[in-house]
Amino acid sequence: MKIEVNLVAAYKLIAQKGRLTLELPEKSSVHDVIKAVVKTAPALKSHWLEKDGSPSQQLHPFLNGDDVSTLSEGLNTCLETGDSLEFIPPLSGG
């Protein structure tokens, strides 16, 4: 299945690309996409993964506009062809 991945702001600069189209097996999860993106753009690894390889708490993917952390399955949410994932770095300020 094909999944569109959008990298925003600093992630786009780090990866040196803003959009990826990934071909993944059926029933792949958001977590599987994270691993695939890191393989495609290894510069993101230190920003997206903890030292043990688990996704960083600072990483907040959005699936079709919804924050994945608000979905019942979270990072284990299975994707469908045509889904879009957007990765936006954490922002701070006042």
N, C-alpha and C. Protein backbone atom coordinates (compact mmCIF):
# COMPACT_ATOMS: atom_id res chain seq x y z
N MET A 1 0.84 -1.18 0.00
CA MET A 1 0.00 0.00 0.00
C MET A 1 0.88 1.24 0.00
N LYS A 2 0.36 2.31 -0.55
CA LYS A 2 1.10 3.57 -0.62
C LYS A 2 0.61 4.51 0.47
N ILE A 3 1.59 5.09 1.18
CA ILE A 3 1.31 6.05 2.24
C ILE A 3 2.09 7.33 1.94
N GLU A 4 1.43 8.46 2.06
CA GLU A 4 2.09 9.75 1.89
C GLU A 4 2.57 10.25 3.25
N VAL A 5 3.81 10.69 3.31
CA VAL A 5 4.39 11.22 4.53
C VAL A 5 4.86 12.65 4.26
N ASN A 6 4.41 13.57 5.10
CA ASN A 6 4.82 14.96 4.99
C ASN A 6 5.69 15.32 6.19
N LEU A 7 6.85 15.87 5.91
CA LEU A 7 7.76 16.32 6.94
C LEU A 7 7.71 17.84 6.96
N VAL A 8 7.49 18.40 8.14
CA VAL A 8 7.26 19.84 8.27
C VAL A 8 8.39 20.51 9.05
N ALA A 9 8.65 21.74 8.71
CA ALA A 9 9.59 22.62 9.41
C ALA A 9 10.97 21.97 9.57
N ALA A 10 11.46 21.85 10.80
CA ALA A 10 12.81 21.33 11.04
C ALA A 10 12.99 19.92 10.49
N TYR A 11 11.95 19.09 10.59
CA TYR A 11 12.07 17.72 10.06
C TYR A 11 12.35 17.73 8.56
N LYS A 12 11.73 18.65 7.86
CA LYS A 12 11.95 18.78 6.41
C LYS A 12 13.41 19.18 6.14
N LEU A 13 13.92 20.08 6.93
CA LEU A 13 15.31 20.53 6.76
C LEU A 13 16.29 19.41 7.10
N ILE A 14 16.03 18.70 8.18
CA ILE A 14 16.93 17.62 8.61
C ILE A 14 16.97 16.51 7.57
N ALA A 15 15.80 16.12 7.07
CA ALA A 15 15.70 15.03 6.10
C ALA A 15 16.07 15.46 4.69
N GLN A 16 16.10 16.76 4.46
CA GLN A 16 16.36 17.34 3.15
C GLN A 16 15.32 16.92 2.12
N LYS A 17 14.12 16.67 2.61
CA LYS A 17 12.96 16.40 1.75
C LYS A 17 11.71 16.62 2.58
N GLY A 18 10.68 17.08 1.93
CA GLY A 18 9.45 17.40 2.64
C GLY A 18 8.34 16.39 2.46
N ARG A 19 8.45 15.57 1.43
CA ARG A 19 7.38 14.61 1.14
C ARG A 19 7.99 13.29 0.73
N LEU A 20 7.42 12.22 1.27
CA LEU A 20 7.83 10.86 0.92
C LEU A 20 6.59 10.06 0.57
N THR A 21 6.71 9.21 -0.41
CA THR A 21 5.69 8.22 -0.71
C THR A 21 6.30 6.87 -0.41
N LEU A 22 5.71 6.18 0.57
CA LEU A 22 6.25 4.89 0.98
C LEU A 22 5.35 3.76 0.52
N GLU A 23 5.94 2.70 0.06
CA GLU A 23 5.23 1.48 -0.30
C GLU A 23 5.46 0.51 0.86
N LEU A 24 4.37 0.19 1.57
CA LEU A 24 4.45 -0.65 2.77
C LEU A 24 3.50 -1.84 2.65
N PRO A 25 3.75 -2.91 3.41
CA PRO A 25 2.83 -4.04 3.41
C PRO A 25 1.47 -3.64 3.98
N GLU A 26 0.43 -4.33 3.55
CA GLU A 26 -0.90 -4.10 4.10
C GLU A 26 -0.86 -4.27 5.61
N LYS A 27 -1.71 -3.53 6.31
CA LYS A 27 -1.83 -3.57 7.77
C LYS A 27 -0.61 -3.02 8.49
N SER A 28 0.21 -2.24 7.80
CA SER A 28 1.33 -1.57 8.48
C SER A 28 0.76 -0.53 9.44
N SER A 29 1.51 -0.29 10.51
CA SER A 29 1.07 0.65 11.53
C SER A 29 1.83 1.97 11.41
N VAL A 30 1.39 2.94 12.18
CA VAL A 30 2.10 4.22 12.24
C VAL A 30 3.54 3.97 12.70
N HIS A 31 3.72 3.08 13.65
CA HIS A 31 5.07 2.74 14.12
C HIS A 31 5.92 2.18 12.98
N ASP A 32 5.35 1.36 12.12
CA ASP A 32 6.07 0.83 10.95
C ASP A 32 6.50 1.96 10.02
N VAL A 33 5.65 2.96 9.87
CA VAL A 33 5.99 4.10 9.01
C VAL A 33 7.16 4.88 9.62
N ILE A 34 7.15 5.06 10.93
CA ILE A 34 8.25 5.76 11.58
C ILE A 34 9.57 5.06 11.27
N LYS A 35 9.58 3.74 11.41
CA LYS A 35 10.80 2.97 11.12
C LYS A 35 11.20 3.12 9.65
N ALA A 36 10.23 3.10 8.74
CA ALA A 36 10.51 3.23 7.30
C ALA A 36 11.06 4.62 6.97
N VAL A 37 10.52 5.65 7.60
CA VAL A 37 11.00 7.00 7.33
C VAL A 37 12.44 7.14 7.83
N VAL A 38 12.73 6.60 9.00
CA VAL A 38 14.09 6.69 9.55
C VAL A 38 15.08 5.95 8.64
N LYS A 39 14.65 4.85 8.03
CA LYS A 39 15.53 4.14 7.08
C LYS A 39 15.77 5.00 5.84
N THR A 40 14.73 5.70 5.40
CA THR A 40 14.82 6.53 4.20
C THR A 40 15.59 7.82 4.47
N ALA A 41 15.41 8.37 5.66
CA ALA A 41 16.07 9.62 6.05
C ALA A 41 16.75 9.43 7.41
N PRO A 42 17.91 8.76 7.42
CA PRO A 42 18.58 8.41 8.68
C PRO A 42 18.92 9.61 9.58
N ALA A 43 19.01 10.79 9.03
CA ALA A 43 19.31 11.97 9.84
C ALA A 43 18.22 12.24 10.88
N LEU A 44 17.02 11.70 10.66
CA LEU A 44 15.92 11.90 11.61
C LEU A 44 16.01 10.99 12.83
N LYS A 45 16.83 9.96 12.75
CA LYS A 45 16.87 8.95 13.81
C LYS A 45 17.05 9.55 15.20
N SER A 46 18.01 10.41 15.38
CA SER A 46 18.27 10.96 16.71
C SER A 46 17.16 11.89 17.20
N HIS A 47 16.33 12.37 16.29
CA HIS A 47 15.22 13.26 16.64
C HIS A 47 13.93 12.48 16.90
N TRP A 48 13.81 11.31 16.29
CA TRP A 48 12.57 10.55 16.35
C TRP A 48 12.62 9.34 17.28
N LEU A 49 13.81 8.80 17.52
CA LEU A 49 13.92 7.57 18.29
C LEU A 49 14.75 7.77 19.54
N GLU A 50 14.36 7.06 20.61
CA GLU A 50 15.15 7.04 21.84
C GLU A 50 16.35 6.11 21.60
N LYS A 51 17.26 6.09 22.53
CA LYS A 51 18.45 5.24 22.39
C LYS A 51 18.10 3.77 22.28
N ASP A 52 16.97 3.35 22.88
CA ASP A 52 16.56 1.94 22.80
C ASP A 52 15.78 1.62 21.52
N GLY A 53 15.61 2.63 20.65
CA GLY A 53 14.92 2.42 19.38
C GLY A 53 13.43 2.69 19.41
N SER A 54 12.89 2.99 20.58
CA SER A 54 11.46 3.30 20.67
C SER A 54 11.22 4.74 20.22
N PRO A 55 10.00 5.03 19.74
CA PRO A 55 9.70 6.40 19.29
C PRO A 55 9.81 7.40 20.44
N SER A 56 10.35 8.54 20.15
CA SER A 56 10.50 9.61 21.14
C SER A 56 9.13 10.10 21.59
N GLN A 57 9.04 10.48 22.85
CA GLN A 57 7.80 11.07 23.38
C GLN A 57 7.53 12.43 22.72
N GLN A 58 8.55 13.03 22.14
CA GLN A 58 8.41 14.33 21.47
C GLN A 58 7.87 14.22 20.06
N LEU A 59 7.76 12.99 19.55
CA LEU A 59 7.30 12.77 18.18
C LEU A 59 5.77 12.65 18.16
N HIS A 60 5.12 13.53 17.41
CA HIS A 60 3.67 13.52 17.33
C HIS A 60 3.20 13.46 15.88
N PRO A 61 3.02 12.25 15.37
CA PRO A 61 2.50 12.13 14.00
C PRO A 61 1.00 12.43 13.95
N PHE A 62 0.57 12.93 12.82
CA PHE A 62 -0.84 13.21 12.57
C PHE A 62 -1.29 12.35 11.40
N LEU A 63 -2.31 11.53 11.64
CA LEU A 63 -2.85 10.64 10.61
C LEU A 63 -4.11 11.27 10.05
N ASN A 64 -4.07 11.63 8.79
CA ASN A 64 -5.21 12.26 8.12
C ASN A 64 -5.76 13.43 8.95
N GLY A 65 -4.83 14.19 9.56
CA GLY A 65 -5.20 15.38 10.32
C GLY A 65 -5.45 15.14 11.80
N ASP A 66 -5.49 13.90 12.26
CA ASP A 66 -5.73 13.59 13.67
C ASP A 66 -4.43 13.24 14.37
N ASP A 67 -4.22 13.81 15.55
CA ASP A 67 -3.04 13.48 16.35
C ASP A 67 -3.12 12.01 16.72
N VAL A 68 -2.12 11.23 16.33
CA VAL A 68 -2.13 9.79 16.55
C VAL A 68 -2.26 9.45 18.03
N SER A 69 -1.74 10.30 18.90
CA SER A 69 -1.83 10.02 20.34
C SER A 69 -3.27 10.03 20.84
N THR A 70 -4.19 10.62 20.08
CA THR A 70 -5.60 10.65 20.48
C THR A 70 -6.39 9.46 19.93
N LEU A 71 -5.77 8.66 19.07
CA LEU A 71 -6.45 7.51 18.48
C LEU A 71 -6.37 6.33 19.44
N SER A 72 -7.39 5.48 19.44
CA SER A 72 -7.46 4.38 20.41
C SER A 72 -6.27 3.44 20.33
N GLU A 73 -5.70 3.23 19.15
CA GLU A 73 -4.56 2.33 18.99
C GLU A 73 -3.22 3.06 18.98
N GLY A 74 -3.24 4.37 19.04
CA GLY A 74 -2.00 5.16 19.06
C GLY A 74 -1.08 4.80 17.92
N LEU A 75 0.20 4.56 18.23
CA LEU A 75 1.19 4.24 17.20
C LEU A 75 0.95 2.88 16.56
N ASN A 76 0.09 2.07 17.15
CA ASN A 76 -0.24 0.76 16.58
C ASN A 76 -1.41 0.83 15.61
N THR A 77 -1.90 2.03 15.34
CA THR A 77 -3.01 2.21 14.40
C THR A 77 -2.58 1.72 13.02
N CYS A 78 -3.39 0.84 12.45
CA CYS A 78 -3.11 0.32 11.10
C CYS A 78 -3.54 1.34 10.06
N LEU A 79 -2.77 1.40 8.99
CA LEU A 79 -3.01 2.36 7.92
C LEU A 79 -3.66 1.70 6.72
N GLU A 80 -4.24 2.54 5.88
CA GLU A 80 -4.85 2.08 4.64
C GLU A 80 -4.24 2.86 3.49
N THR A 81 -4.29 2.27 2.30
CA THR A 81 -3.79 2.95 1.10
C THR A 81 -4.41 4.33 1.01
N GLY A 82 -3.57 5.30 0.72
CA GLY A 82 -4.04 6.67 0.56
C GLY A 82 -3.98 7.50 1.82
N ASP A 83 -3.70 6.86 2.97
CA ASP A 83 -3.58 7.62 4.21
C ASP A 83 -2.40 8.58 4.11
N SER A 84 -2.48 9.64 4.88
CA SER A 84 -1.43 10.63 4.92
C SER A 84 -0.97 10.83 6.36
N LEU A 85 0.33 10.77 6.56
CA LEU A 85 0.93 11.03 7.88
C LEU A 85 1.74 12.32 7.79
N GLU A 86 1.56 13.15 8.78
CA GLU A 86 2.32 14.39 8.83
C GLU A 86 3.09 14.42 10.13
N PHE A 87 4.36 14.79 10.06
CA PHE A 87 5.21 14.86 11.23
C PHE A 87 5.61 16.31 11.42
N ILE A 88 5.17 16.87 12.57
CA ILE A 88 5.43 18.26 12.89
C ILE A 88 6.29 18.30 14.15
N PRO A 89 7.43 18.96 14.12
CA PRO A 89 8.27 18.99 15.31
C PRO A 89 7.59 19.75 16.45
N PRO A 90 7.98 19.43 17.69
CA PRO A 90 7.40 20.17 18.82
C PRO A 90 7.76 21.65 18.75
N LEU A 91 6.83 22.46 19.15
CA LEU A 91 7.02 23.91 19.12
C LEU A 91 6.92 24.44 20.54
N SER A 92 7.65 25.49 20.80
CA SER A 92 7.53 26.13 22.09
C SER A 92 7.65 27.63 21.88
N GLY A 93 7.28 28.34 22.86
CA GLY A 93 7.38 29.78 22.75
C GLY A 93 6.34 30.43 23.62
N GLY A 94 6.22 31.70 23.48
CA GLY A 94 5.27 32.38 24.34
C GLY A 94 4.60 33.51 23.64
